[in-house]
Structure formats: C-alpha cells, structure tokens
Amino acid sequence: MAQNFQRAIEKQVKEIAKGYERAARRNPIRVPIQTEATTGGVAHGHHDGAESNPVLARVLMWLDGRAQQHPGVFVDVTDFVEELQLHDEDPAVLVYELEQRDWARVVRAMGGPPAVLLSDAGRSEIQRLKRLRQNRAARLRYTMDAFHRWLFDTAGDQKPINPMLFLATPVSYFAGSEITGTELHEALAHLSEHKLIEHIGTEAPTVAITPQGVSCALAGGSVQDHVNQPRPGTTYNTYLPNAKGVIIGEQQNFTQNNNDGVDPTLFVQLAGYVGQVSPTLGLSDEDRVELERVAQDLHTEATSGNPEPGRLRQFATQLKDKLLAGATTMAATQGIQMAEQALAALMQ
C-alpha cells in the first residue's frame, strides 16, 4: 500500500514538473542584454538580478511584505497576481523563476497550487533591490530603456502616443518600486535630446519614436549604448588629465613629430574614448579603476614628445584584453574595435 502511494506521489510530481516546463517554454525567463546594479553608486554587472524583470521584483517585495506580517508561512503566488490584477502573468511561471534563482522554497501539495517561502538568497536579493531603488542614475537608465522599448513595441510605426500610458504598464517599476511621473518626464527629456523620440504638437501631449529611435531598438542594446557610440568627427573627452593638466581627448587632426614616424592619433582617440565610457561598461569598481589607469598610461605615452611603439602596443593591448574580459556592452565592442585599429596601424 505504501509503495502504491509513493508511486502515485512520484507520478504527480513528474506531471507537475512537465507542466512547469511547458509554462517556462511559453513564458521564457527574461534576462537582459545588459543591466547595471549598484550597492553604493558603483556599477556592477548583474545579468540575472530581479530588476531585469519588473514583475519578478514586485513578487519579491510582495513576499517580503507577507513575511513581515506572517513570518515563516508559505504563501500562494496566485494571490499576488490577483491583488495586483496582473492577469497576463502565470503564477506557475513566477514560482518557477523564484525557485530557479533560489530566491524561494517551494512546497507542492497534491491537488493544490504550490506555496512559496522566501529563502536566505531571496531575502538578500530584496535588500539589494531596496538599496538599488535609491540609486537615481540607475532608475533613470532603467526608465529610459523601459519606455523606449515600450514605445517601440506599442507605436513602432512612429504614430504619436500619450507617454503617460507607460505608467500603467507592468514594466513601469524599477527594483519593485513605481516609476514616478517626474522620472518619466526626465527620461523623455533625455530621449528627446538624443533624437530617439520627438514631441508632437497635439492638444494632448504625445510623443513618437524617431527613425533613430527605431534603429536603437533594433540594435538590441541599451539607450546608453546607443548614446555612447562614436560618431564621425566626434571628440572624446574624459576627466583624466595628462601630465600637462590637459583633459584627455582626441583632436580629429592630431599630429605629432617623432623620430619613429608613429602617428599617435588612434591611440589618443582610444584612450579618450575608454576613459569616457568606462563608467557605463558594467565593470566592478576595481576593474574600472584599473581600466582607466591603463587608459591614462596610454594617453601619457601617446602625447609624449617621442612615443615608443612598443609601449603604445603594450597599453593598447592591455585595454583590449580588459574590455574583452570584463565588459559586454556595445560601447565595449566599439572600444575593442578602436584598439584593433590602433594596433593594426603600428604594423603599417
């Protein structure tokens, strides 16, 4: 009798697992191409943080509230979906994602929905989200990206739309907290400044995505990636000064006399570009400082009276290797290409 009962349980567990697998295929886990989290103003790479999935972050915050009211009690995530009227969300998939990330313990009873309880990892993630939601720069970056993606999905044919409608969508939350109207207006101003959207002169305020905004969306990166892409004739500046106190940058027609016949223009451009975009690459604080140090060394050598080809090659190669090892953004890819071009020039 006991064996029959055990087999019945195992059969039901297998059926439940199959159901979750089917649900996961219909609603795959959403992992961002790039996200930036911070614990104190320092950008770090968090490729699987809850802030990349607004609904999942809200589930964690909801579970945190339930845990404070009823410590140690397993709860049904279906209640979350019903309370917040997120009827397009599948509670089974939310439970699956929580379990996969080890943010919750799950109990599955025969004939009933699974119940969850926050794990230690889940509580740690909640604390990280609470710190992250206080970071103004991270909130603005998220708001720009989320609105831009929503606008492309909703009115990608460049039809005007009321931007305030965004605030009624599930994605208008960052790290579990609601995006405010003030934050949205600030994001709109930045998107407009970079010509990704345009304001339409209608009776009710509306915006439309521009052809450049469509290109940005199709590229698949973040708004910041698009903004940081170098344009022809662009001058790159950074806060790193050279030995003469001059800000690192590139002048489009930079020339320098030296005995080895080396044109340092590409190396000055590379150093200035890396110094400018380093805060956006999602590197740890230690890696970012080291990257900027090498960029400073490259700029110092390139702007010296007689730059040595060997040292230019050494520093440019170090920059390329560090970008390959630690960064995955479009801005990093551009830096790698610039390093390759500079190194190739030495061979000519």
Protein backbone atom coordinates (compact mmCIF):
# COMPACT_ATOMS: atom_id res chain seq x y z
CA MET A 1 0.00 0.00 0.00
CA ALA A 2 2.81 2.37 0.92
CA GLN A 3 4.60 1.60 -2.32
CA ASN A 4 1.48 2.37 -4.35
CA PHE A 5 1.09 5.67 -2.52
CA GLN A 6 4.74 6.54 -3.15
CA ARG A 7 4.40 5.77 -6.86
CA ALA A 8 1.30 7.95 -7.04
CA ILE A 9 3.22 10.86 -5.49
CA GLU A 10 6.15 10.41 -7.87
CA LYS A 11 3.78 10.35 -10.84
CA GLN A 12 2.12 13.57 -9.74
CA VAL A 13 5.48 15.28 -9.17
CA LYS A 14 6.53 14.34 -12.71
CA GLU A 15 3.27 15.74 -14.12
CA ILE A 16 3.77 18.98 -12.20
CA ALA A 17 7.35 19.25 -13.48
CA LYS A 18 6.17 18.76 -17.04
CA GLY A 19 3.57 21.48 -16.53
CA TYR A 20 6.25 23.90 -15.34
CA GLU A 21 8.46 23.05 -18.27
CA ARG A 22 5.62 23.78 -20.69
CA ALA A 23 4.86 27.04 -18.90
CA ALA A 24 8.52 28.02 -18.98
CA ARG A 25 8.67 27.41 -22.74
CA ARG A 26 5.60 29.60 -23.26
CA ASN A 27 6.99 32.31 -20.99
CA PRO A 28 10.79 32.10 -21.05
CA ILE A 29 12.80 33.65 -18.29
CA ARG A 30 13.62 37.21 -19.20
CA VAL A 31 17.30 38.00 -18.92
CA PRO A 32 18.51 41.42 -20.06
CA ILE A 33 21.28 42.00 -22.54
CA GLN A 34 22.80 44.39 -20.08
CA THR A 35 21.78 45.67 -16.69
CA GLU A 36 23.62 47.70 -14.19
CA ALA A 37 23.12 47.31 -10.48
CA THR A 38 24.84 49.15 -7.72
CA THR A 39 25.22 48.95 -4.00
CA GLY A 40 26.64 52.39 -3.48
CA GLY A 41 26.90 54.27 -6.73
CA VAL A 42 29.32 51.76 -8.27
CA ALA A 43 28.21 49.94 -11.36
CA HIS A 44 28.44 46.17 -11.37
CA GLY A 45 27.34 43.56 -13.85
CA HIS A 46 24.14 41.84 -12.70
CA HIS A 47 22.94 39.70 -15.55
CA ASP A 48 20.29 37.88 -13.53
CA GLY A 49 19.11 40.43 -10.98
CA ALA A 50 15.42 40.83 -10.22
CA GLU A 51 15.45 44.42 -11.51
CA SER A 52 15.70 42.99 -15.03
CA ASN A 53 12.21 41.52 -14.58
CA PRO A 54 9.87 44.14 -13.10
CA VAL A 55 7.13 41.66 -12.21
CA LEU A 56 9.55 39.29 -10.51
CA ALA A 57 10.97 42.17 -8.46
CA ARG A 58 7.45 43.08 -7.36
CA VAL A 59 6.80 39.46 -6.38
CA LEU A 60 9.84 39.56 -4.11
CA MET A 61 8.67 42.79 -2.49
CA TRP A 62 5.19 41.34 -2.07
CA LEU A 63 6.63 38.22 -0.45
CA ASP A 64 8.72 40.43 1.82
CA GLY A 65 5.57 42.20 2.99
CA ARG A 66 3.82 38.88 3.60
CA ALA A 67 6.84 37.56 5.50
CA GLN A 68 6.79 40.57 7.81
CA GLN A 69 3.09 40.04 8.51
CA HIS A 70 3.26 36.24 8.77
CA PRO A 71 6.84 35.06 9.39
CA GLY A 72 7.59 31.51 8.32
CA VAL A 73 4.29 30.99 6.47
CA PHE A 74 4.22 29.62 2.92
CA VAL A 75 2.03 31.70 0.59
CA ASP A 76 0.30 31.22 -2.77
CA VAL A 77 1.69 33.48 -5.52
CA THR A 78 -1.73 33.39 -7.18
CA ASP A 79 -2.79 35.90 -4.52
CA PHE A 80 -0.11 38.30 -5.81
CA VAL A 81 -1.40 38.08 -9.38
CA GLU A 82 -4.98 38.65 -8.24
CA GLU A 83 -4.21 41.51 -5.83
CA LEU A 84 -2.19 43.43 -8.42
CA GLN A 85 -4.53 42.40 -11.28
CA LEU A 86 -1.64 41.10 -13.39
CA HIS A 87 -3.83 38.67 -15.23
CA ASP A 88 -1.34 38.18 -18.06
CA GLU A 89 1.15 36.67 -15.62
CA ASP A 90 1.21 32.94 -14.96
CA PRO A 91 1.72 32.23 -11.22
CA ALA A 92 3.29 28.88 -12.10
CA VAL A 93 6.00 30.61 -14.15
CA LEU A 94 6.68 33.13 -11.37
CA VAL A 95 7.11 30.28 -8.90
CA TYR A 96 9.37 28.50 -11.37
CA GLU A 97 11.59 31.57 -11.75
CA LEU A 98 11.79 32.14 -7.99
CA GLU A 99 12.79 28.54 -7.48
CA GLN A 100 15.33 28.53 -10.31
CA ARG A 101 17.10 31.53 -8.81
CA ASP A 102 16.96 30.00 -5.31
CA TRP A 103 15.02 33.01 -4.04
CA ALA A 104 12.24 30.92 -2.52
CA ARG A 105 11.49 27.48 -1.13
CA VAL A 106 8.55 25.76 -2.79
CA VAL A 107 6.09 23.23 -1.39
CA ARG A 108 3.83 21.41 -3.81
CA ALA A 109 0.77 19.73 -2.33
CA MET A 110 -1.37 17.26 -4.21
CA GLY A 111 -4.40 18.91 -5.74
CA GLY A 112 -3.37 22.45 -4.80
CA PRO A 113 -1.16 25.29 -6.07
CA PRO A 114 2.48 25.47 -4.95
CA ALA A 115 3.26 27.61 -1.93
CA VAL A 116 6.48 29.59 -1.52
CA LEU A 117 8.58 30.94 1.31
CA LEU A 118 11.49 33.36 0.91
CA SER A 119 14.93 31.77 1.13
CA ASP A 120 18.05 33.43 2.53
CA ALA A 121 19.09 34.23 -1.05
CA GLY A 122 15.67 35.77 -1.67
CA ARG A 123 15.92 37.98 1.39
CA SER A 124 19.41 39.05 0.31
CA GLU A 125 18.09 39.93 -3.15
CA ILE A 126 15.32 42.01 -1.59
CA GLN A 127 17.83 44.01 0.42
CA ARG A 128 19.88 44.59 -2.73
CA LEU A 129 16.77 45.81 -4.56
CA LYS A 130 15.92 48.19 -1.71
CA ARG A 131 19.38 49.73 -1.98
CA LEU A 132 19.30 49.78 -5.76
CA ARG A 133 15.96 51.59 -5.97
CA GLN A 134 17.58 54.56 -4.20
CA ASN A 135 20.15 55.00 -7.00
CA ARG A 136 18.90 57.87 -9.11
CA ALA A 137 21.17 57.18 -12.10
CA ALA A 138 20.15 53.53 -12.22
CA ARG A 139 16.47 54.50 -12.05
CA LEU A 140 16.86 56.97 -14.90
CA ARG A 141 18.74 54.49 -17.08
CA TYR A 142 16.05 51.89 -16.48
CA THR A 143 13.22 54.35 -17.17
CA MET A 144 14.77 55.42 -20.47
CA ASP A 145 15.31 51.82 -21.57
CA ALA A 146 11.88 50.58 -20.44
CA PHE A 147 9.99 53.49 -22.00
CA HIS A 148 11.95 53.25 -25.23
CA ARG A 149 11.24 49.52 -25.55
CA TRP A 150 7.56 50.07 -24.67
CA LEU A 151 7.25 52.87 -27.24
CA PHE A 152 8.85 50.72 -29.94
CA ASP A 153 6.55 47.78 -29.14
CA THR A 154 3.44 49.93 -28.83
CA ALA A 155 3.93 52.56 -31.53
CA GLY A 156 6.96 51.45 -33.51
CA ASP A 157 5.33 52.72 -36.70
CA GLN A 158 6.03 56.26 -35.43
CA LYS A 159 2.43 57.04 -34.55
CA PRO A 160 2.03 59.61 -31.74
CA ILE A 161 1.07 58.21 -28.34
CA ASN A 162 0.45 59.62 -24.88
CA PRO A 163 3.62 58.83 -22.91
CA MET A 164 1.73 58.75 -19.59
CA LEU A 165 0.15 55.46 -20.68
CA PHE A 166 3.52 53.89 -19.92
CA LEU A 167 2.95 54.42 -16.20
CA ALA A 168 0.01 52.00 -16.30
CA THR A 169 2.13 49.11 -17.62
CA PRO A 170 3.80 46.35 -15.56
CA VAL A 171 7.24 47.46 -16.75
CA SER A 172 6.90 50.90 -15.15
CA TYR A 173 8.53 49.58 -11.98
CA PHE A 174 12.21 49.57 -11.10
CA ALA A 175 13.52 47.22 -8.42
CA GLY A 176 9.97 46.77 -7.22
CA SER A 177 9.16 50.49 -6.88
CA GLU A 178 6.91 52.54 -9.14
CA ILE A 179 8.40 54.94 -11.69
CA THR A 180 7.07 58.43 -10.98
CA GLY A 181 5.76 60.98 -13.46
CA THR A 182 8.74 63.21 -12.69
CA GLU A 183 11.16 60.40 -13.50
CA LEU A 184 9.33 59.69 -16.74
CA HIS A 185 9.48 63.33 -17.82
CA GLU A 186 13.23 63.39 -17.11
CA ALA A 187 13.69 60.24 -19.18
CA LEU A 188 11.64 61.77 -22.02
CA ALA A 189 13.85 64.84 -21.98
CA HIS A 190 16.99 62.71 -22.39
CA LEU A 191 15.44 60.56 -25.13
CA SER A 192 14.36 63.69 -26.98
CA GLU A 193 17.77 65.30 -26.57
CA HIS A 194 19.38 62.30 -28.27
CA LYS A 195 16.70 62.31 -31.00
CA LEU A 196 15.27 58.90 -30.12
CA ILE A 197 11.79 60.37 -29.69
CA GLU A 198 10.08 63.57 -30.77
CA HIS A 199 7.31 65.56 -29.13
CA ILE A 200 4.24 66.00 -31.32
CA GLY A 201 2.31 69.26 -31.18
CA THR A 202 -1.13 67.88 -30.40
CA GLU A 203 -3.77 69.06 -27.92
CA ALA A 204 -2.83 66.26 -25.55
CA PRO A 205 0.94 65.84 -25.14
CA THR A 206 2.16 62.95 -27.29
CA VAL A 207 5.48 61.58 -28.45
CA ALA A 208 6.59 59.42 -31.37
CA ILE A 209 9.63 57.27 -31.87
CA THR A 210 12.07 58.58 -34.48
CA PRO A 211 13.87 56.57 -37.17
CA GLN A 212 16.97 56.84 -34.99
CA GLY A 213 14.94 55.51 -32.05
CA VAL A 214 13.82 52.56 -34.16
CA SER A 215 17.44 51.82 -35.10
CA CYS A 216 18.41 51.93 -31.43
CA ALA A 217 15.66 49.43 -30.57
CA LEU A 218 16.64 47.09 -33.40
CA ALA A 219 20.28 47.15 -32.29
CA GLY A 220 19.20 45.40 -29.11
CA GLY A 221 21.37 47.37 -26.70
CA SER A 222 20.51 49.98 -24.12
CA VAL A 223 19.85 53.66 -24.76
CA GLN A 224 23.18 54.45 -23.12
CA ASP A 225 24.95 52.07 -25.52
CA HIS A 226 23.44 53.96 -28.44
CA VAL A 227 24.32 57.36 -26.98
CA ASN A 228 27.93 56.32 -26.35
CA GLN A 229 28.54 55.12 -29.89
CA PRO A 230 31.16 57.34 -31.53
CA ARG A 231 30.03 59.38 -34.50
CA PRO A 232 32.22 60.64 -37.37
CA GLY A 233 34.09 63.74 -36.27
CA THR A 234 33.30 63.15 -32.59
CA THR A 235 35.73 64.44 -29.99
CA TYR A 236 36.07 62.20 -26.93
CA ASN A 237 36.86 63.78 -23.60
CA THR A 238 37.28 62.34 -20.14
CA TYR A 239 38.13 63.60 -16.70
CA LEU A 240 41.61 62.02 -16.74
CA PRO A 241 44.27 64.76 -17.10
CA ASN A 242 47.62 64.20 -18.78
CA ALA A 243 50.97 65.30 -17.42
CA LYS A 244 50.36 68.87 -18.56
CA GLY A 245 46.95 69.02 -16.89
CA VAL A 246 45.15 68.81 -20.21
CA ILE A 247 41.98 66.72 -20.30
CA ILE A 248 42.42 63.51 -22.26
CA GLY A 249 40.66 63.73 -25.60
CA GLU A 250 41.19 63.35 -29.26
CA GLN A 251 41.56 66.01 -31.82
CA GLN A 252 40.41 64.82 -35.23
CA ASN A 253 43.61 66.04 -36.95
CA PHE A 254 46.03 65.31 -34.12
CA THR A 255 49.63 65.06 -35.39
CA GLN A 256 52.93 64.89 -33.61
CA ASN A 257 56.56 64.90 -34.70
CA ASN A 258 58.66 62.00 -33.52
CA ASN A 259 61.74 60.10 -34.62
CA ASP A 260 59.93 56.77 -35.13
CA GLY A 261 57.33 58.16 -37.51
CA VAL A 262 54.47 56.93 -35.29
CA ASP A 263 51.12 58.69 -35.68
CA PRO A 264 49.61 58.59 -32.17
CA THR A 265 46.18 59.84 -33.27
CA LEU A 266 44.38 56.48 -32.95
CA PHE A 267 45.94 55.83 -29.55
CA VAL A 268 44.90 59.24 -28.21
CA GLN A 269 41.37 58.56 -29.51
CA LEU A 270 41.32 55.12 -27.89
CA ALA A 271 42.49 56.41 -24.50
CA GLY A 272 39.96 59.25 -24.50
CA TYR A 273 37.09 57.02 -25.57
CA VAL A 274 37.78 54.34 -22.95
CA GLY A 275 38.11 56.96 -20.24
CA GLN A 276 34.78 58.47 -21.27
CA VAL A 277 32.71 55.28 -21.44
CA SER A 278 34.33 53.33 -18.59
CA PRO A 279 31.55 54.17 -16.07
CA THR A 280 28.96 52.66 -18.45
CA LEU A 281 30.64 49.29 -19.04
CA GLY A 282 29.20 47.47 -16.01
CA LEU A 283 32.65 46.73 -14.57
CA SER A 284 33.42 46.32 -10.90
CA ASP A 285 34.92 49.35 -9.19
CA GLU A 286 38.35 47.70 -9.07
CA ASP A 287 38.30 46.71 -12.75
CA ARG A 288 37.05 50.13 -13.83
CA VAL A 289 39.85 51.91 -11.94
CA GLU A 290 42.44 49.60 -13.50
CA LEU A 291 40.98 50.16 -16.98
CA GLU A 292 41.16 53.93 -16.53
CA ARG A 293 44.74 53.65 -15.22
CA VAL A 294 45.83 51.86 -18.40
CA ALA A 295 43.96 54.45 -20.50
CA GLN A 296 45.85 57.17 -18.63
CA ASP A 297 49.18 55.41 -19.29
CA LEU A 298 48.32 55.09 -22.99
CA HIS A 299 47.39 58.76 -23.25
CA THR A 300 50.55 59.84 -21.45
CA GLU A 301 52.70 57.79 -23.81
CA ALA A 302 50.79 58.83 -26.95
CA THR A 303 51.07 62.54 -26.13
CA SER A 304 54.73 62.41 -25.10
CA GLY A 305 57.42 64.02 -27.22
CA ASN A 306 58.51 60.72 -28.76
CA PRO A 307 56.04 57.85 -28.12
CA GLU A 308 57.58 54.39 -28.23
CA PRO A 309 55.73 51.91 -30.49
CA GLY A 310 56.36 49.09 -28.01
CA ARG A 311 54.70 50.92 -25.13
CA LEU A 312 51.80 52.04 -27.32
CA ARG A 313 51.29 48.40 -28.33
CA GLN A 314 51.56 47.26 -24.71
CA PHE A 315 48.94 49.67 -23.33
CA ALA A 316 46.54 49.31 -26.27
CA THR A 317 46.72 45.52 -25.97
CA GLN A 318 46.04 45.74 -22.23
CA LEU A 319 42.97 47.90 -22.87
CA LYS A 320 41.69 45.47 -25.49
CA ASP A 321 42.22 42.46 -23.20
CA LYS A 322 40.46 44.15 -20.28
CA LEU A 323 37.50 45.09 -22.45
CA LEU A 324 37.28 41.55 -23.79
CA ALA A 325 37.45 40.05 -20.30
CA GLY A 326 35.13 42.28 -18.33
CA ALA A 327 32.60 44.12 -20.48
CA THR A 328 29.84 43.03 -22.88
CA THR A 329 28.21 46.29 -23.96
CA MET A 330 28.17 47.87 -27.40
CA ALA A 331 30.41 50.63 -26.03
CA ALA A 332 32.98 47.98 -25.05
CA THR A 333 32.76 46.42 -28.51
CA GLN A 334 33.48 49.81 -30.05
CA GLY A 335 36.49 50.22 -27.75
CA ILE A 336 37.81 46.80 -28.80
CA GLN A 337 37.48 47.74 -32.47
CA MET A 338 39.31 51.03 -31.86
CA ALA A 339 42.12 49.16 -30.10
CA GLU A 340 42.43 46.73 -33.02
CA GLN A 341 42.59 49.63 -35.49
CA ALA A 342 45.29 51.36 -33.48
CA LEU A 343 47.35 48.18 -33.17
CA ALA A 344 46.96 47.48 -36.89
CA ALA A 345 48.29 50.97 -37.67
CA LEU A 346 51.55 50.08 -35.93
CA MET A 347 52.09 47.24 -38.40
CA GLN A 348 51.90 49.51 -41.43
